Amino acid sequence: MKKALIYIILIVFAIAFIYPFFWMLIASISPETEIGSLTFLPAHFTLHNYISMFSKIPIGRALFNSILVSSIITFCVIFFSAMVGYALAKTKFIGRDFIFYIIIFTMTLPFQITLIPNYITMVKLGFVDHYAALIIPFVINNFAILLFRQAFISTPQALIDAAKIDGCNNMRIIFQVLFPSIIPTIVTVGILTFMSTWNEVLWPLIVIRDQQLMTMPQLVTLFSVGGRAEGQLGVKLASAVLLALPIIIAYTFFQKYFIRSMASSGIK
């Protein structure tokens, strides 16, 4: 009886969580006149909202920009954060713990604090309205450093010593010897980085004004609140579905690695 009650509670919470996304998807393929009275399924299905959205804004270009920027940032974060995490976990040098504590401290600072200094830096470097302005401020991540450090601490030192005896340098040890044993951490860092970059709106709104360089969240935000959707809720919902779809697909495929890494790192 207790187990059945727990399952019932979980199912209720799952339905409460999933229903808004389900409603958004169904509403995006419903006529505008039926959205206000939408029940479980609409009486008529239509792709007019998606067709209208593609005709009003360059959503395909924005999708390409988001994939490009998010992929580059994700690769850079994994590459650089792994090196920093390895240095903090497996090498000894003066000030190592102090540097780690500084990194932990910066995790408590919101991005808005560094917003103006970062913008001034981008202006001085001439990166405004370039992909570089979207990429450079995010190529390293303190939370990713923490995850890699925890993963490398748990790896046997004997494995590293054996690699050094065979003539491997630190780069080969990180990316050829240790990486295959920390796949869950790599996938977790990749998912979190891709998600945070994909969903970023404030920073692109500040540094990008050229519509051809806008990311999907930025373009969808301007489309929804800027009047180009002409008050059509179905068109706005269609753009929201396209915005959420890549993240849902990525997490669906890699969720087991994500959960495994969170469990092994002790982060709940």
Protein backbone atom coordinates (compact mmCIF):
# COMPACT_ATOMS: atom_id res chain seq x y z
CA MET A 1 0.00 0.00 0.00
CA LYS A 2 2.83 2.37 0.88
CA LYS A 3 4.61 1.66 -2.40
CA ALA A 4 1.39 2.20 -4.37
CA LEU A 5 0.82 5.54 -2.61
CA ILE A 6 4.35 6.66 -3.47
CA TYR A 7 3.83 5.77 -7.13
CA ILE A 8 0.51 7.64 -7.22
CA ILE A 9 2.15 10.76 -5.78
CA LEU A 10 5.02 10.54 -8.27
CA ILE A 11 2.62 10.10 -11.19
CA VAL A 12 0.59 13.13 -10.09
CA PHE A 13 3.72 15.30 -9.87
CA ALA A 14 4.97 13.97 -13.20
CA ILE A 15 1.69 14.86 -14.91
CA ALA A 16 1.69 18.31 -13.30
CA PHE A 17 5.22 18.89 -14.61
CA ILE A 18 4.71 17.47 -18.11
CA TYR A 19 1.28 18.95 -18.87
CA PRO A 20 2.46 22.56 -19.55
CA PHE A 21 4.94 21.27 -22.14
CA PHE A 22 2.30 18.99 -23.63
CA TRP A 23 -0.16 21.92 -23.80
CA MET A 24 2.47 24.11 -25.46
CA LEU A 25 3.09 21.47 -28.14
CA ILE A 26 -0.62 20.83 -28.81
CA ALA A 27 -1.45 24.55 -28.83
CA SER A 28 1.29 25.19 -31.40
CA ILE A 29 -0.47 22.88 -33.88
CA SER A 30 -3.97 24.18 -33.14
CA PRO A 31 -5.90 26.99 -34.86
CA GLU A 32 -5.71 30.33 -33.08
CA THR A 33 -9.44 30.25 -32.30
CA GLU A 34 -9.15 26.96 -30.39
CA ILE A 35 -6.18 27.77 -28.15
CA GLY A 36 -8.27 29.55 -25.50
CA SER A 37 -10.58 26.55 -25.09
CA LEU A 38 -7.96 23.87 -25.67
CA THR A 39 -8.58 20.61 -23.84
CA PHE A 40 -6.52 17.42 -24.14
CA LEU A 41 -6.52 17.38 -27.95
CA PRO A 42 -7.71 20.05 -30.40
CA ALA A 43 -10.57 19.49 -32.81
CA HIS A 44 -8.38 20.45 -35.78
CA PHE A 45 -4.65 20.18 -36.39
CA THR A 46 -2.74 22.75 -38.43
CA LEU A 47 0.87 23.73 -39.18
CA HIS A 48 -0.13 27.31 -39.94
CA ASN A 49 1.60 28.62 -36.81
CA TYR A 50 4.94 27.11 -37.83
CA ILE A 51 4.59 28.28 -41.43
CA SER A 52 3.74 31.79 -40.23
CA MET A 53 6.70 31.82 -37.85
CA PHE A 54 9.16 30.80 -40.58
CA SER A 55 7.78 33.52 -42.84
CA LYS A 56 8.10 36.27 -40.23
CA ILE A 57 11.61 35.68 -38.82
CA PRO A 58 14.83 33.93 -39.98
CA ILE A 59 14.40 31.13 -37.47
CA GLY A 60 16.60 28.76 -39.51
CA ARG A 61 19.56 31.14 -39.34
CA ALA A 62 18.98 31.65 -35.60
CA LEU A 63 18.92 27.86 -35.12
CA PHE A 64 22.26 27.57 -36.92
CA ASN A 65 23.73 30.38 -34.80
CA SER A 66 22.59 28.76 -31.55
CA ILE A 67 23.94 25.34 -32.52
CA LEU A 68 27.26 26.84 -33.64
CA VAL A 69 27.77 29.02 -30.57
CA SER A 70 26.59 26.38 -28.09
CA SER A 71 28.73 23.65 -29.66
CA ILE A 72 31.90 25.75 -29.68
CA ILE A 73 31.38 26.86 -26.08
CA THR A 74 30.64 23.30 -24.96
CA PHE A 75 33.82 21.99 -26.60
CA CYS A 76 35.94 24.79 -25.11
CA VAL A 77 34.48 24.33 -21.63
CA ILE A 78 35.19 20.59 -21.66
CA PHE A 79 38.71 21.11 -23.04
CA PHE A 80 39.88 23.94 -20.77
CA SER A 81 37.98 22.96 -17.63
CA ALA A 82 39.38 19.43 -17.82
CA MET A 83 42.92 20.80 -17.83
CA VAL A 84 42.24 23.09 -14.88
CA GLY A 85 40.43 20.33 -12.99
CA TYR A 86 43.34 17.94 -13.54
CA ALA A 87 45.84 20.54 -12.32
CA LEU A 88 43.81 21.13 -9.16
CA ALA A 89 43.32 17.42 -8.51
CA LYS A 90 46.56 15.67 -9.48
CA THR A 91 49.39 18.21 -9.52
CA LYS A 92 51.06 19.95 -6.59
CA PHE A 93 52.05 23.60 -6.76
CA ILE A 94 52.08 26.61 -4.45
CA GLY A 95 48.66 28.20 -4.07
CA ARG A 96 46.70 25.29 -5.51
CA ASP A 97 44.13 25.21 -2.72
CA PHE A 98 43.84 29.01 -2.71
CA ILE A 99 43.07 29.00 -6.44
CA PHE A 100 40.46 26.32 -5.91
CA TYR A 101 38.80 28.34 -3.14
CA ILE A 102 38.75 31.40 -5.40
CA ILE A 103 37.01 29.34 -8.09
CA ILE A 104 34.45 28.12 -5.55
CA PHE A 105 33.88 31.69 -4.39
CA THR A 106 33.21 32.92 -7.93
CA MET A 107 30.41 30.36 -8.20
CA THR A 108 28.46 32.45 -5.70
CA LEU A 109 28.63 35.58 -7.89
CA PRO A 110 25.77 36.11 -10.35
CA PHE A 111 26.66 36.76 -13.98
CA GLN A 112 24.99 40.18 -13.81
CA ILE A 113 27.84 41.47 -11.62
CA THR A 114 30.35 40.98 -14.44
CA LEU A 115 27.93 42.01 -17.17
CA ILE A 116 29.12 45.61 -17.57
CA PRO A 117 32.89 44.81 -17.35
CA ASN A 118 32.44 42.03 -19.92
CA TYR A 119 30.50 44.33 -22.24
CA ILE A 120 33.16 47.06 -21.97
CA THR A 121 35.82 44.45 -22.77
CA MET A 122 33.90 43.28 -25.85
CA VAL A 123 33.53 46.90 -27.03
CA LYS A 124 37.25 47.62 -26.53
CA LEU A 125 38.17 44.47 -28.47
CA GLY A 126 35.70 45.28 -31.26
CA PHE A 127 33.80 42.02 -30.79
CA VAL A 128 30.29 43.52 -30.60
CA ASP A 129 28.08 42.05 -33.35
CA HIS A 130 30.47 39.14 -33.85
CA TYR A 131 30.31 35.49 -32.83
CA ALA A 132 33.34 36.13 -30.61
CA ALA A 133 31.22 38.24 -28.25
CA LEU A 134 28.89 35.27 -27.71
CA ILE A 135 31.68 32.72 -27.24
CA ILE A 136 34.72 34.21 -25.48
CA PRO A 137 33.10 35.12 -22.10
CA PHE A 138 31.89 31.52 -21.64
CA VAL A 139 34.81 29.35 -22.78
CA ILE A 140 35.63 28.29 -19.22
CA ASN A 141 33.22 27.44 -16.44
CA ASN A 142 33.88 27.17 -12.71
CA PHE A 143 31.19 24.53 -12.12
CA ALA A 144 32.72 22.38 -14.88
CA ILE A 145 36.12 22.76 -13.20
CA LEU A 146 34.60 21.51 -9.94
CA LEU A 147 33.04 18.47 -11.62
CA PHE A 148 36.27 17.55 -13.43
CA ARG A 149 38.31 18.01 -10.28
CA GLN A 150 36.02 15.66 -8.36
CA ALA A 151 36.17 13.12 -11.19
CA PHE A 152 39.97 13.21 -11.42
CA ILE A 153 40.37 12.91 -7.64
CA SER A 154 38.47 9.62 -7.78
CA THR A 155 40.74 8.16 -10.49
CA PRO A 156 43.62 5.93 -9.28
CA GLN A 157 47.01 7.61 -9.09
CA ALA A 158 48.56 4.34 -10.26
CA LEU A 159 46.90 4.82 -13.65
CA ILE A 160 48.56 8.21 -14.04
CA ASP A 161 51.93 6.88 -12.86
CA ALA A 162 51.76 4.04 -15.37
CA ALA A 163 50.99 6.50 -18.17
CA LYS A 164 53.98 8.65 -17.17
CA ILE A 165 56.26 5.61 -17.20
CA ASP A 166 55.07 4.91 -20.75
CA GLY A 167 56.09 8.43 -21.73
CA CYS A 168 52.74 10.25 -21.71
CA ASN A 169 52.68 13.96 -21.01
CA ASN A 170 49.88 15.62 -19.05
CA MET A 171 47.79 16.35 -22.15
CA ARG A 172 47.81 12.72 -23.24
CA ILE A 173 47.09 11.58 -19.68
CA ILE A 174 44.02 13.82 -19.50
CA PHE A 175 42.51 13.22 -22.92
CA GLN A 176 43.65 9.68 -23.77
CA VAL A 177 44.07 7.91 -20.43
CA LEU A 178 41.61 9.52 -18.01
CA PHE A 179 38.83 10.72 -20.30
CA PRO A 180 37.50 7.21 -21.12
CA SER A 181 36.96 6.59 -17.39
CA ILE A 182 35.00 9.81 -16.71
CA ILE A 183 32.48 9.71 -19.57
CA PRO A 184 29.51 10.51 -17.26
CA THR A 185 31.24 13.70 -16.07
CA ILE A 186 32.06 14.75 -19.63
CA VAL A 187 28.47 14.20 -20.73
CA THR A 188 27.14 16.07 -17.69
CA VAL A 189 29.40 19.06 -18.31
CA GLY A 190 28.42 18.98 -21.98
CA ILE A 191 24.67 18.91 -21.25
CA LEU A 192 24.80 21.63 -18.58
CA THR A 193 27.01 23.88 -20.71
CA PHE A 194 24.94 23.37 -23.85
CA MET A 195 21.71 24.03 -21.95
CA SER A 196 22.93 27.19 -20.23
CA THR A 197 24.42 28.54 -23.46
CA TRP A 198 21.38 27.63 -25.52
CA ASN A 199 19.02 29.34 -23.07
CA GLU A 200 21.11 32.50 -22.64
CA VAL A 201 19.10 35.60 -23.55
CA LEU A 202 20.43 38.61 -21.63
CA TRP A 203 24.00 38.57 -22.94
CA PRO A 204 23.09 38.16 -26.66
CA LEU A 205 20.56 40.99 -26.30
CA ILE A 206 23.38 43.26 -25.16
CA VAL A 207 26.17 42.38 -27.60
CA ILE A 208 24.29 41.35 -30.77
CA ARG A 209 22.15 43.71 -32.85
CA ASP A 210 22.56 42.14 -36.29
CA GLN A 211 19.57 39.87 -36.91
CA GLN A 212 21.71 37.45 -38.93
CA LEU A 213 23.85 36.79 -35.83
CA MET A 214 21.05 36.44 -33.30
CA THR A 215 20.61 33.18 -31.42
CA MET A 216 17.25 31.43 -31.12
CA PRO A 217 16.42 32.57 -27.56
CA GLN A 218 17.25 36.16 -28.48
CA LEU A 219 15.26 36.10 -31.71
CA VAL A 220 12.30 34.31 -30.14
CA THR A 221 12.25 36.82 -27.27
CA LEU A 222 12.29 39.80 -29.63
CA PHE A 223 9.71 38.06 -31.82
CA SER A 224 7.35 37.42 -28.90
CA VAL A 225 7.59 40.78 -27.13
CA GLY A 226 8.55 43.01 -30.05
CA GLY A 227 5.23 42.84 -31.87
CA ARG A 228 6.33 40.82 -34.90
CA ALA A 229 4.16 37.90 -33.77
CA GLU A 230 1.18 40.28 -34.14
CA GLY A 231 -0.36 39.02 -30.92
CA GLN A 232 -0.80 35.48 -32.27
CA LEU A 233 -0.31 33.12 -29.35
CA GLY A 234 -0.02 30.05 -31.54
CA VAL A 235 2.94 31.51 -33.44
CA LYS A 236 4.68 32.38 -30.17
CA LEU A 237 4.13 28.86 -28.88
CA ALA A 238 5.49 27.38 -32.11
CA SER A 239 8.71 29.35 -31.67
CA ALA A 240 8.90 28.20 -28.02
CA VAL A 241 8.55 24.55 -29.11
CA LEU A 242 11.45 24.88 -31.56
CA LEU A 243 13.50 26.56 -28.84
CA ALA A 244 12.94 23.77 -26.31
CA LEU A 245 13.19 20.80 -28.70
CA PRO A 246 17.01 20.45 -28.99
CA ILE A 247 17.47 20.49 -25.21
CA ILE A 248 14.76 17.87 -24.71
CA ILE A 249 16.29 15.61 -27.35
CA ALA A 250 19.81 15.97 -25.94
CA TYR A 251 18.74 15.22 -22.38
CA THR A 252 16.61 12.26 -23.48
CA PHE A 253 19.64 10.55 -25.03
CA PHE A 254 22.18 11.38 -22.32
CA GLN A 255 20.15 11.41 -19.11
CA LYS A 256 21.65 8.16 -17.75
CA TYR A 257 25.16 9.64 -17.91
CA PHE A 258 23.90 12.85 -16.35
CA ILE A 259 22.34 11.05 -13.36
CA ARG A 260 25.37 8.77 -12.94
CA SER A 261 27.77 11.70 -12.81
CA MET A 262 25.66 13.63 -10.30
CA ALA A 263 25.53 10.55 -8.06
CA SER A 264 29.28 9.87 -8.27
CA SER A 265 30.25 13.50 -7.62
CA GLY A 266 28.02 13.75 -4.55
CA ILE A 267 26.09 16.73 -5.98
CA LYS A 268 22.35 16.39 -5.46
